[in-house]
C-alpha atoms as a PDB file:
ATOM      1  CA  MET A   1      23.147  -8.674   3.640  1.00  0.00           C
ATOM      2  CA  GLU A   2      21.835  -5.427   1.562  1.00  0.00           C
ATOM      3  CA  LEU A   3      19.749  -2.515   2.182  1.00  0.00           C
ATOM      4  CA  ILE A   4      18.535  -0.368  -0.566  1.00  0.00           C
ATOM      5  CA  THR A   5      15.684   2.079   0.114  1.00  0.00           C
ATOM      6  CA  THR A   6      13.328   3.686  -2.914  1.00  0.00           C
ATOM      7  CA  SER A   7       9.657   4.859  -3.709  1.00  0.00           C
ATOM      8  CA  ILE A   8       6.687   5.147  -5.774  1.00  0.00           C
ATOM      9  CA  ASP A   9       5.009   8.537  -6.626  1.00  0.00           C
ATOM     10  CA  LEU A  10       1.443   7.795  -7.172  1.00  0.00           C
ATOM     11  CA  SER A  11      -1.180  10.579  -7.897  1.00  0.00           C
ATOM     12  CA  THR A  12      -4.399   9.224  -6.072  1.00  0.00           C
ATOM     13  CA  GLN A  13      -8.634  10.311  -6.538  1.00  0.00           C
ATOM     14  CA  GLY A  14      -9.370   9.880  -2.355  1.00  0.00           C
ATOM     15  CA  HIS A  15     -12.793   8.107  -1.041  1.00  0.00           C
ATOM     16  CA  THR A  16     -11.031   4.625  -0.596  1.00  0.00           C
ATOM     17  CA  ASP A  17      -8.988   4.921  -4.350  1.00  0.00           C
ATOM     18  CA  ILE A  18      -7.435   1.316  -4.910  1.00  0.00           C
ATOM     19  CA  VAL A  19      -4.578   1.191  -6.780  1.00  0.00           C
ATOM     20  CA  ASP A  20      -2.659  -2.401  -7.820  1.00  0.00           C
ATOM     21  CA  ILE A  21       1.137  -1.218  -6.889  1.00  0.00           C
ATOM     22  CA  THR A  22       2.715  -4.927  -7.757  1.00  0.00           C
ATOM     23  CA  PRO A  23       4.244  -4.219 -11.231  1.00  0.00           C
ATOM     24  CA  GLN A  24       5.971  -0.821  -9.416  1.00  0.00           C
ATOM     25  CA  VAL A  25       6.805  -2.628  -6.732  1.00  0.00           C
ATOM     26  CA  GLN A  26       8.250  -5.453  -9.244  1.00  0.00           C
ATOM     27  CA  GLN A  27       9.999  -3.582 -11.425  1.00  0.00           C
ATOM     28  CA  ALA A  28      11.234  -1.579  -8.407  1.00  0.00           C
ATOM     29  CA  LEU A  29      12.747  -4.866  -6.956  1.00  0.00           C
ATOM     30  CA  ASN A  30      13.811  -5.889 -10.763  1.00  0.00           C
ATOM     31  CA  ASP A  31      16.140  -1.926 -10.776  1.00  0.00           C
ATOM     32  CA  CYS A  32      17.440  -3.071  -7.254  1.00  0.00           C
ATOM     33  CA  GLY A  33      18.895  -6.654  -8.517  1.00  0.00           C
ATOM     34  CA  MET A  34      18.244  -8.403  -5.513  1.00  0.00           C
ATOM     35  CA  GLU A  35      17.780 -11.896  -6.050  1.00  0.00           C
ATOM     36  CA  GLU A  36      16.177 -12.917  -1.805  1.00  0.00           C
ATOM     37  CA  GLY A  37      14.830 -11.500   0.580  1.00  0.00           C
ATOM     38  CA  PHE A  38      12.100  -9.237   1.378  1.00  0.00           C
ATOM     39  CA  VAL A  39      10.591  -5.685   0.839  1.00  0.00           C
ATOM     40  CA  GLN A  40       8.721  -3.229   3.266  1.00  0.00           C
ATOM     41  CA  LEU A  41       6.312  -1.068   1.680  1.00  0.00           C
ATOM     42  CA  PHE A  42       5.289   2.237   3.972  1.00  0.00           C
ATOM     43  CA  ALA A  43       2.926   4.721   2.762  1.00  0.00           C
ATOM     44  CA  LEU A  44       3.375   7.992   4.001  1.00  0.00           C
ATOM     45  CA  GLY A  45      -0.025   9.886   5.331  1.00  0.00           C
ATOM     46  CA  SER A  46      -2.075   9.075   8.021  1.00  0.00           C
ATOM     47  CA  THR A  47      -4.930   8.518   5.772  1.00  0.00           C
ATOM     48  CA  THR A  48      -3.490   5.880   3.473  1.00  0.00           C
ATOM     49  CA  GLY A  49      -3.149   1.887   3.956  1.00  0.00           C
ATOM     50  CA  ILE A  50      -0.558  -0.719   2.157  1.00  0.00           C
ATOM     51  CA  SER A  51      -2.343  -4.281   1.582  1.00  0.00           C
ATOM     52  CA  THR A  52      -3.138  -7.260  -0.247  1.00  0.00           C
ATOM     53  CA  ILE A  53      -5.994  -8.145  -2.038  1.00  0.00           C
ATOM     54  CA  GLU A  54      -7.429 -10.208  -5.454  1.00  0.00           C
ATOM     55  CA  TYR A  55      -7.434  -6.877  -7.790  1.00  0.00           C
ATOM     56  CA  GLU A  56     -10.630  -7.254  -9.527  1.00  0.00           C
ATOM     57  CA  PRO A  57     -13.651  -4.854 -10.296  1.00  0.00           C
ATOM     58  CA  GLY A  58     -16.270  -7.043  -7.564  1.00  0.00           C
ATOM     59  CA  LEU A  59     -14.135  -6.864  -4.733  1.00  0.00           C
ATOM     60  CA  VAL A  60     -12.154  -3.534  -4.674  1.00  0.00           C
ATOM     61  CA  GLN A  61     -14.998  -0.880  -7.366  1.00  0.00           C
ATOM     62  CA  THR A  62     -17.631  -2.704  -4.339  1.00  0.00           C
ATOM     63  CA  ASP A  63     -16.734  -5.019  -1.659  1.00  0.00           C
ATOM     64  CA  MET A  64     -14.094  -3.196   0.149  1.00  0.00           C
ATOM     65  CA  LYS A  65     -15.327  -0.136   0.008  1.00  0.00           C
ATOM     66  CA  VAL A  66     -18.957  -1.716   0.992  1.00  0.00           C
ATOM     67  CA  MET A  67     -17.121  -3.406   4.450  1.00  0.00           C
ATOM     68  CA  LEU A  68     -14.732  -0.030   5.223  1.00  0.00           C
ATOM     69  CA  GLU A  69     -18.170   1.943   5.084  1.00  0.00           C
ATOM     70  CA  LYS A  70     -19.835  -0.235   7.359  1.00  0.00           C
ATOM     71  CA  LEU A  71     -17.067  -0.321   9.422  1.00  0.00           C
ATOM     72  CA  ALA A  72     -15.855   3.421   9.329  1.00  0.00           C
ATOM     73  CA  PRO A  73     -18.547   5.761   7.136  1.00  0.00           C
ATOM     74  CA  TYR A  74     -17.418   9.024   5.958  1.00  0.00           C
ATOM     75  CA  ASN A  75     -20.563  10.552   6.916  1.00  0.00           C
ATOM     76  CA  VAL A  76     -20.590  10.658  10.611  1.00  0.00           C
ATOM     77  CA  PRO A  77     -19.785  13.528  12.846  1.00  0.00           C
ATOM     78  CA  TYR A  78     -16.186  12.564  14.104  1.00  0.00           C
ATOM     79  CA  GLN A  79     -14.678  14.583  16.916  1.00  0.00           C
ATOM     80  CA  HIS A  80     -11.655  14.642  14.498  1.00  0.00           C
ATOM     81  CA  ASN A  81     -13.641  16.455  12.149  1.00  0.00           C
ATOM     82  CA  LYS A  82     -14.633  18.820  15.078  1.00  0.00           C
ATOM     83  CA  THR A  83     -10.869  19.712  16.059  1.00  0.00           C
ATOM     84  CA  TRP A  84      -9.623  20.213  12.636  1.00  0.00           C
ATOM     85  CA  GLY A  85     -12.387  21.619  11.380  1.00  0.00           C
ATOM     86  CA  ASP A  86     -11.983  19.163   8.272  1.00  0.00           C
ATOM     87  CA  ASN A  87     -13.794  15.977   7.125  1.00  0.00           C
ATOM     88  CA  ASN A  88     -11.603  13.476   6.990  1.00  0.00           C
ATOM     89  CA  GLY A  89     -12.166  11.442  10.084  1.00  0.00           C
ATOM     90  CA  ALA A  90     -12.764   8.577   8.803  1.00  0.00           C
ATOM     91  CA  SER A  91      -9.793   8.584   6.428  1.00  0.00           C
ATOM     92  CA  HIS A  92      -7.782   8.131   9.061  1.00  0.00           C
ATOM     93  CA  LEU A  93      -9.868   5.385  11.205  1.00  0.00           C
ATOM     94  CA  ARG A  94      -9.615   3.113   7.848  1.00  0.00           C
ATOM     95  CA  SER A  95      -5.754   3.892   7.610  1.00  0.00           C
ATOM     96  CA  THR A  96      -5.425   1.946  11.347  1.00  0.00           C
ATOM     97  CA  LEU A  97      -8.118  -0.804  10.651  1.00  0.00           C
ATOM     98  CA  ILE A  98      -5.603  -1.373   7.280  1.00  0.00           C
ATOM     99  CA  GLY A  99      -2.122  -0.090   7.851  1.00  0.00           C
ATOM    100  CA  THR A 100       0.653   1.523   6.507  1.00  0.00           C
ATOM    101  CA  SER A 101       3.091  -1.311   5.557  1.00  0.00           C
ATOM    102  CA  TYR A 102       3.548  -4.466   4.445  1.00  0.00           C
ATOM    103  CA  ALA A 103       6.339  -6.994   3.387  1.00  0.00           C
ATOM    104  CA  VAL A 104       6.449  -9.314   1.074  1.00  0.00           C
ATOM    105  CA  PRO A 105       9.585 -11.448   0.663  1.00  0.00           C
ATOM    106  CA  PHE A 106      10.964 -12.031  -2.580  1.00  0.00           C
ATOM    107  CA  GLN A 107      12.936 -15.152  -4.061  1.00  0.00           C
ATOM    108  CA  GLU A 108      15.024 -15.070  -7.608  1.00  0.00           C
ATOM    109  CA  GLY A 109      14.359 -11.903  -8.343  1.00  0.00           C
ATOM    110  CA  GLU A 110      10.419 -12.384  -8.317  1.00  0.00           C
ATOM    111  CA  LEU A 111       7.353 -11.309  -5.132  1.00  0.00           C
ATOM    112  CA  ILE A 112       6.061 -14.686  -3.573  1.00  0.00           C
ATOM    113  CA  LEU A 113       2.958 -13.555  -3.868  1.00  0.00           C
ATOM    114  CA  GLY A 114      -0.546 -15.840  -4.632  1.00  0.00           C
ATOM    115  CA  THR A 115      -1.721 -16.593  -8.034  1.00  0.00           C
ATOM    116  CA  TRP A 116      -4.406 -13.911  -7.691  1.00  0.00           C
ATOM    117  CA  GLN A 117      -3.220 -11.511  -5.427  1.00  0.00           C
ATOM    118  CA  GLN A 118      -1.769  -8.145  -5.708  1.00  0.00           C
ATOM    119  CA  ILE A 119       0.494  -5.029  -3.624  1.00  0.00           C
ATOM    120  CA  ILE A 120      -2.094  -2.446  -3.533  1.00  0.00           C
ATOM    121  CA  PHE A 121      -2.204   1.009  -1.595  1.00  0.00           C
ATOM    122  CA  LEU A 122      -5.205   2.641  -0.952  1.00  0.00           C
ATOM    123  CA  ASP A 123      -5.827   6.369  -0.580  1.00  0.00           C
ATOM    124  CA  PHE A 124      -8.776   7.336   2.322  1.00  0.00           C
ATOM    125  CA  ASP A 125      -8.351  10.980   1.907  1.00  0.00           C
ATOM    126  CA  THR A 126     -11.455  12.859   0.949  1.00  0.00           C
ATOM    127  CA  HIS A 127     -10.113  14.612  -2.112  1.00  0.00           C
ATOM    128  CA  PRO A 128      -6.919  13.950  -4.797  1.00  0.00           C
ATOM    129  CA  ARG A 129      -3.136  13.723  -3.559  1.00  0.00           C
ATOM    130  CA  GLN A 130      -0.320  12.860  -4.192  1.00  0.00           C
ATOM    131  CA  ARG A 131       1.466  10.228  -2.511  1.00  0.00           C
ATOM    132  CA  LYS A 132       4.337   8.056  -1.912  1.00  0.00           C
ATOM    133  CA  VAL A 133       5.532   4.589  -0.462  1.00  0.00           C
ATOM    134  CA  VAL A 134       8.609   4.200   0.538  1.00  0.00           C
ATOM    135  CA  LEU A 135      10.260   0.542  -0.526  1.00  0.00           C
ATOM    136  CA  GLN A 136      13.058  -1.308   1.371  1.00  0.00           C
ATOM    137  CA  PHE A 137      14.435  -3.644   0.249  1.00  0.00           C
ATOM    138  CA  PHE A 138      16.443  -6.066   1.872  1.00  0.00           C
ATOM    139  CA  GLY A 139      18.134  -9.372   0.947  1.00  0.00           C
ATOM    140  CA  LYS A 140      20.995 -10.653  -1.014  1.00  0.00           C
ATOM    141  CA  LYS A 141      22.036 -10.028  -4.574  1.00  0.00           C
ATOM    142  CA  LYS A 142      22.620 -12.993  -7.232  1.00  0.00           C
ATOM    143  CA  SER A 143      26.997 -12.740  -6.868  1.00  0.00           C
ATOM    144  CA  ASP A 144      26.127 -12.701  -2.761  1.00  0.00           C
ATOM    145  CA  ILE A 145      23.906 -16.072  -2.729  1.00  0.00           C
ATOM    146  CA  ASN A 146      26.602 -18.141  -4.731  1.00  0.00           C
ATOM    147  CA  ARG A 147      29.422 -17.188  -2.135  1.00  0.00           C
END
């Protein structure tokens, strides 16, 4: 078994910006040459999230944002905002709800995802940011599988 760590850099708009990172994760898997195992994704930042969804406009541009606005609205006077003099208390709560890590298995060099399932990065902060997702691939290369 082998462990390979790499990362993906993203430019985001904030305010629950949702980015399909499936192609970048698959490319990183291709680059590392592993055939079987899993990838652990970790979003750096306490106002981010990682999950999966059917990446289609109704869900990512409307439904997900409406749901999160009901659970952790941006326009509430959170204690966090008072403590730090900022306006991103909702961003931290949304990150906690969604989570900042996700694991995906792979086999024969391909991510194992459902037909309509994509890996998404979410930026909940209240302004555009440069973001990073750390990927750790744990598995076997083809040469190791045939032994």
